[in-house]
Every structure is written in structure tokens, then in C-alpha cells.
C-alpha atoms as a PDB file:
ATOM      1  CA  UNK A   1       0.336   0.026  -0.252  1.00  0.00           C
ATOM      2  CA  UNK A   2       2.807   2.576   0.822  1.00  0.00           C
ATOM      3  CA  UNK A   3       4.588   1.336  -2.237  1.00  0.00           C
ATOM      4  CA  UNK A   4       1.755   2.283  -4.211  1.00  0.00           C
ATOM      5  CA  UNK A   5       1.298   5.870  -2.567  1.00  0.00           C
ATOM      6  CA  UNK A   6       4.574   6.278  -3.327  1.00  0.00           C
ATOM      7  CA  UNK A   7       4.427   6.301  -6.918  1.00  0.00           C
ATOM      8  CA  UNK A   8       1.277   7.837  -7.004  1.00  0.00           C
ATOM      9  CA  UNK A   9       2.956  11.148  -4.964  1.00  0.00           C
ATOM     10  CA  UNK A  10       6.297  10.639  -7.360  1.00  0.00           C
ATOM     11  CA  UNK A  11       3.567  10.928 -10.706  1.00  0.00           C
ATOM     12  CA  UNK A  12       1.560  14.553  -9.260  1.00  0.00           C
ATOM     13  CA  UNK A  13       5.176  15.577  -8.175  1.00  0.00           C
ATOM     14  CA  UNK A  14       6.117  14.415 -12.025  1.00  0.00           C
ATOM     15  CA  UNK A  15       3.193  16.103 -13.702  1.00  0.00           C
ATOM     16  CA  UNK A  16       3.016  19.059 -11.322  1.00  0.00           C
ATOM     17  CA  UNK A  17       6.756  20.200 -12.355  1.00  0.00           C
ATOM     18  CA  UNK A  18       6.834  19.556 -15.833  1.00  0.00           C
ATOM     19  CA  UNK A  19       3.576  21.938 -16.105  1.00  0.00           C
ATOM     20  CA  UNK A  20       5.745  24.526 -14.240  1.00  0.00           C
ATOM     21  CA  UNK A  21       7.384  26.696 -17.052  1.00  0.00           C
ATOM     22  CA  UNK A  22       9.650  30.025 -17.012  1.00  0.00           C
ATOM     23  CA  UNK A  23       8.186  33.083 -18.371  1.00  0.00           C
ATOM     24  CA  UNK A  24      10.930  33.694 -21.340  1.00  0.00           C
ATOM     25  CA  UNK A  25      12.192  37.455 -20.754  1.00  0.00           C
ATOM     26  CA  UNK A  26      10.217  40.077 -22.926  1.00  0.00           C
ATOM     27  CA  UNK A  27      12.508  40.997 -25.590  1.00  0.00           C
ATOM     28  CA  UNK A  28      14.808  44.427 -25.414  1.00  0.00           C
ATOM     29  CA  UNK A  29      13.511  47.581 -26.645  1.00  0.00           C
ATOM     30  CA  UNK A  30      14.181  50.094 -28.552  1.00  0.00           C
ATOM     31  CA  UNK A  31      15.389  53.479 -26.569  1.00  0.00           C
ATOM     32  CA  UNK A  32      12.955  54.798 -29.538  1.00  0.00           C
ATOM     33  CA  UNK A  33       9.970  52.739 -28.312  1.00  0.00           C
ATOM     34  CA  UNK A  34      10.945  52.712 -24.784  1.00  0.00           C
ATOM     35  CA  UNK A  35      10.970  57.154 -25.192  1.00  0.00           C
ATOM     36  CA  UNK A  36       7.839  57.120 -26.734  1.00  0.00           C
ATOM     37  CA  UNK A  37       5.988  54.843 -23.919  1.00  0.00           C
ATOM     38  CA  UNK A  38       7.936  56.789 -21.200  1.00  0.00           C
ATOM     39  CA  UNK A  39       6.647  60.093 -23.306  1.00  0.00           C
ATOM     40  CA  UNK A  40       3.010  59.150 -23.948  1.00  0.00           C
ATOM     41  CA  UNK A  41       3.074  58.284 -19.718  1.00  0.00           C
ATOM     42  CA  UNK A  42       4.537  61.729 -18.691  1.00  0.00           C
ATOM     43  CA  UNK A  43       2.200  63.255 -21.461  1.00  0.00           C
ATOM     44  CA  UNK A  44      -1.050  61.310 -19.800  1.00  0.00           C
ATOM     45  CA  UNK A  45       0.557  61.172 -16.284  1.00  0.00           C
ATOM     46  CA  UNK A  46       0.943  65.408 -16.040  1.00  0.00           C
ATOM     47  CA  UNK A  47      -2.938  65.645 -17.718  1.00  0.00           C
ATOM     48  CA  UNK A  48      -3.901  63.553 -14.272  1.00  0.00           C
ATOM     49  CA  UNK A  49      -4.454  60.752 -15.572  1.00  0.00           C
ATOM     50  CA  UNK A  50      -6.358  61.264 -18.515  1.00  0.00           C
ATOM     51  CA  UNK A  51      -5.319  60.855 -22.235  1.00  0.00           C
ATOM     52  CA  UNK A  52      -3.742  63.750 -23.229  1.00  0.00           C
ATOM     53  CA  UNK A  53      -5.826  65.975 -26.302  1.00  0.00           C
ATOM     54  CA  UNK A  54      -3.491  67.510 -29.063  1.00  0.00           C
ATOM     55  CA  UNK A  55      -3.058  70.719 -27.089  1.00  0.00           C
ATOM     56  CA  UNK A  56      -1.759  69.674 -24.358  1.00  0.00           C
ATOM     57  CA  UNK A  57       1.510  70.682 -23.776  1.00  0.00           C
ATOM     58  CA  UNK A  58       4.568  69.186 -21.705  1.00  0.00           C
ATOM     59  CA  UNK A  59       6.195  72.510 -19.950  1.00  0.00           C
ATOM     60  CA  UNK A  60       9.138  72.571 -18.042  1.00  0.00           C
ATOM     61  CA  UNK A  61       7.247  72.677 -14.647  1.00  0.00           C
ATOM     62  CA  UNK A  62       5.501  69.434 -15.546  1.00  0.00           C
ATOM     63  CA  UNK A  63       8.446  67.435 -16.840  1.00  0.00           C
ATOM     64  CA  UNK A  64      10.242  68.925 -13.311  1.00  0.00           C
ATOM     65  CA  UNK A  65       6.982  67.531 -11.008  1.00  0.00           C
ATOM     66  CA  UNK A  66       7.095  64.385 -13.540  1.00  0.00           C
ATOM     67  CA  UNK A  67      11.444  63.566 -13.113  1.00  0.00           C
ATOM     68  CA  UNK A  68      11.927  65.430  -9.940  1.00  0.00           C
ATOM     69  CA  UNK A  69       8.536  63.145  -8.044  1.00  0.00           C
ATOM     70  CA  UNK A  70       9.125  63.155  -4.339  1.00  0.00           C
ATOM     71  CA  UNK A  71      13.051  63.604  -4.506  1.00  0.00           C
ATOM     72  CA  UNK A  72      15.050  66.518  -4.170  1.00  0.00           C
ATOM     73  CA  UNK A  73      18.189  64.759  -6.030  1.00  0.00           C
ATOM     74  CA  UNK A  74      16.064  63.648  -8.934  1.00  0.00           C
ATOM     75  CA  UNK A  75      15.046  67.506  -9.074  1.00  0.00           C
ATOM     76  CA  UNK A  76      18.128  69.204 -10.894  1.00  0.00           C
ATOM     77  CA  UNK A  77      17.868  67.304 -13.906  1.00  0.00           C
ATOM     78  CA  UNK A  78      16.753  69.330 -15.615  1.00  0.00           C
ATOM     79  CA  UNK A  79      18.831  72.589 -14.988  1.00  0.00           C
ATOM     80  CA  UNK A  80      21.925  70.273 -14.911  1.00  0.00           C
ATOM     81  CA  UNK A  81      20.477  69.266 -18.588  1.00  0.00           C
ATOM     82  CA  UNK A  82      20.083  73.207 -19.955  1.00  0.00           C
ATOM     83  CA  UNK A  83      23.623  73.699 -18.252  1.00  0.00           C
ATOM     84  CA  UNK A  84      25.475  71.255 -20.239  1.00  0.00           C
ATOM     85  CA  UNK A  85      22.889  71.814 -23.633  1.00  0.00           C
ATOM     86  CA  UNK A  86      21.768  75.988 -23.818  1.00  0.00           C
ATOM     87  CA  UNK A  87      20.893  75.625 -27.129  1.00  0.00           C
ATOM     88  CA  UNK A  88      17.889  73.320 -26.515  1.00  0.00           C
ATOM     89  CA  UNK A  89      16.048  75.730 -24.102  1.00  0.00           C
ATOM     90  CA  UNK A  90      14.885  78.010 -26.856  1.00  0.00           C
ATOM     91  CA  UNK A  91      11.353  78.143 -27.502  1.00  0.00           C
ATOM     92  CA  UNK A  92      10.830  75.923 -24.438  1.00  0.00           C
ATOM     93  CA  UNK A  93       7.494  78.362 -23.744  1.00  0.00           C
ATOM     94  CA  UNK A  94       5.660  78.539 -26.002  1.00  0.00           C
ATOM     95  CA  UNK A  95       5.973  75.080 -28.048  1.00  0.00           C
ATOM     96  CA  UNK A  96       7.025  73.561 -24.738  1.00  0.00           C
ATOM     97  CA  UNK A  97       8.902  69.816 -24.491  1.00  0.00           C
ATOM     98  CA  UNK A  98       8.067  67.735 -28.011  1.00  0.00           C
ATOM     99  CA  UNK A  99       9.351  64.504 -27.836  1.00  0.00           C
ATOM    100  CA  UNK A 100      12.665  64.854 -29.427  1.00  0.00           C
ATOM    101  CA  UNK A 101      13.544  66.539 -26.629  1.00  0.00           C
ATOM    102  CA  UNK A 102      11.947  64.570 -23.729  1.00  0.00           C
ATOM    103  CA  UNK A 103      13.992  61.704 -25.291  1.00  0.00           C
ATOM    104  CA  UNK A 104      17.085  63.985 -24.490  1.00  0.00           C
ATOM    105  CA  UNK A 105      16.176  65.122 -21.203  1.00  0.00           C
ATOM    106  CA  UNK A 106      15.330  61.333 -20.220  1.00  0.00           C
ATOM    107  CA  UNK A 107      18.294  59.282 -21.221  1.00  0.00           C
ATOM    108  CA  UNK A 108      20.326  62.449 -19.743  1.00  0.00           C
ATOM    109  CA  UNK A 109      18.389  61.843 -16.571  1.00  0.00           C
ATOM    110  CA  UNK A 110      18.780  57.970 -16.661  1.00  0.00           C
ATOM    111  CA  UNK A 111      22.547  58.411 -17.127  1.00  0.00           C
ATOM    112  CA  UNK A 112      23.192  60.899 -14.443  1.00  0.00           C
ATOM    113  CA  UNK A 113      20.445  59.431 -11.602  1.00  0.00           C
ATOM    114  CA  UNK A 114      19.931  56.192 -12.689  1.00  0.00           C
ATOM    115  CA  UNK A 115      22.881  54.790 -13.893  1.00  0.00           C
ATOM    116  CA  UNK A 116      22.817  51.520 -12.718  1.00  0.00           C
ATOM    117  CA  UNK A 117      19.934  50.521 -14.626  1.00  0.00           C
ATOM    118  CA  UNK A 118      19.641  50.249 -18.364  1.00  0.00           C
ATOM    119  CA  UNK A 119      17.729  52.680 -20.100  1.00  0.00           C
ATOM    120  CA  UNK A 120      14.590  50.607 -20.336  1.00  0.00           C
ATOM    121  CA  UNK A 121      14.338  49.714 -16.767  1.00  0.00           C
ATOM    122  CA  UNK A 122      15.228  53.115 -15.889  1.00  0.00           C
ATOM    123  CA  UNK A 123      11.919  54.449 -17.941  1.00  0.00           C
ATOM    124  CA  UNK A 124      10.310  51.309 -15.726  1.00  0.00           C
ATOM    125  CA  UNK A 125      11.179  52.686 -12.960  1.00  0.00           C
ATOM    126  CA  UNK A 126      10.196  55.946 -13.353  1.00  0.00           C
ATOM    127  CA  UNK A 127       6.785  55.006 -14.966  1.00  0.00           C
ATOM    128  CA  UNK A 128       6.280  52.794 -11.636  1.00  0.00           C
ATOM    129  CA  UNK A 129       7.024  55.080  -8.817  1.00  0.00           C
ATOM    130  CA  UNK A 130       4.684  58.196 -10.853  1.00  0.00           C
ATOM    131  CA  UNK A 131       1.833  56.057 -11.161  1.00  0.00           C
ATOM    132  CA  UNK A 132       1.658  55.667  -7.423  1.00  0.00           C
ATOM    133  CA  UNK A 133       1.235  59.671  -6.929  1.00  0.00           C
ATOM    134  CA  UNK A 134      -0.894  61.977  -8.794  1.00  0.00           C
ATOM    135  CA  UNK A 135       0.716  65.391  -9.637  1.00  0.00           C
ATOM    136  CA  UNK A 136      -1.765  67.178  -8.007  1.00  0.00           C
ATOM    137  CA  UNK A 137      -0.274  64.991  -4.521  1.00  0.00           C
ATOM    138  CA  UNK A 138       3.329  66.433  -5.849  1.00  0.00           C
ATOM    139  CA  UNK A 139       1.993  69.919  -6.312  1.00  0.00           C
ATOM    140  CA  UNK A 140       0.931  69.861  -2.555  1.00  0.00           C
ATOM    141  CA  UNK A 141       4.138  68.295  -1.451  1.00  0.00           C
ATOM    142  CA  UNK A 142       6.191  70.861  -3.142  1.00  0.00           C
ATOM    143  CA  UNK A 143       3.630  73.623  -1.387  1.00  0.00           C
ATOM    144  CA  UNK A 144       4.350  72.030   1.914  1.00  0.00           C
ATOM    145  CA  UNK A 145       8.001  72.362   1.678  1.00  0.00           C
ATOM    146  CA  UNK A 146       7.543  75.394   0.464  1.00  0.00           C
ATOM    147  CA  UNK A 147       6.025  76.895   3.265  1.00  0.00           C
ATOM    148  CA  UNK A 148       8.420  75.019   5.962  1.00  0.00           C
ATOM    149  CA  UNK A 149      11.791  76.117   4.265  1.00  0.00           C
ATOM    150  CA  UNK A 150       9.719  79.842   4.221  1.00  0.00           C
ATOM    151  CA  UNK A 151       8.651  79.438   7.545  1.00  0.00           C
ATOM    152  CA  UNK A 152      12.206  78.338   8.954  1.00  0.00           C
ATOM    153  CA  UNK A 153      14.090  81.494   8.351  1.00  0.00           C
END
């Protein structure tokens, strides 16, 4: 009887191990695909989670909220980028930040502040981090921080 039970138990173990398969790693995306997905997510996030309309402009301030999150270390990224690339600052107030400039800034952000991650992993990390908070929450966070800084002087 114990022998039959052992055989049945071994059968179930073998059957279970045969059905467990590892998921293949997703194929790496090109930088262009990563930038497009990240840009689309940024536009939607800066439009309060609503798909942006064609007249939605990604401003430096909105991009600062997106890239900075609630990390003061990341807030400098846009300033650092424009110090390194002053000619790119032209026409930002009227034209906003397009996909090409966004891609350049985002690559700079990943290389400067998250250099241990691949570009694709950096974009996924930023997307996941920003999914946890809203633009309204970040604006409130920075207002409180500014108020506290002013009152502490």
C-alpha cells in the first residue's frame, strides 16, 4: 500500500514540475520605443491621468514634477541638462517639450541619476514610481515643503 501511495505521489510531483514553465524574458525594446512609451506616460500623468488632447503642452514645470517626483536629488535634472545644453532651452515656453527633447532629457536623467539601470529599466522604474502618486499630490507636497522652508528662516 505504501509503495502504491509513493508511486502516486511521485507521479503528481513529476506532473506538477512538467507544467511549471518559466516565462521568457521580454525582448528588449529600442530606445525609440522606450522614449515613446515614457513620453506617452508622462503626457498622461501630467494631464491628471487623462489621455492628453493635442493642445496639451508639456512644460518644464510639469516635466520637473514628473522627473523629480518627491526626490530632491532628481529635481536638478532639468537644470543640469540645460546647463550642459543651453541651446535646447529656446522656444520652450511657447512650443513646450516635444518627444525628441523629452527623449534627450530622459536619457540624461537615466544616465546621470540612475546609471546602474539600463535605459529600459530606468523608464519602467520611473513609470512605476509615478503611478503611485498624482500630480496634485506632488504639487501639495512641494507647497508644504516651500512653506516649511520659508517659515523656518
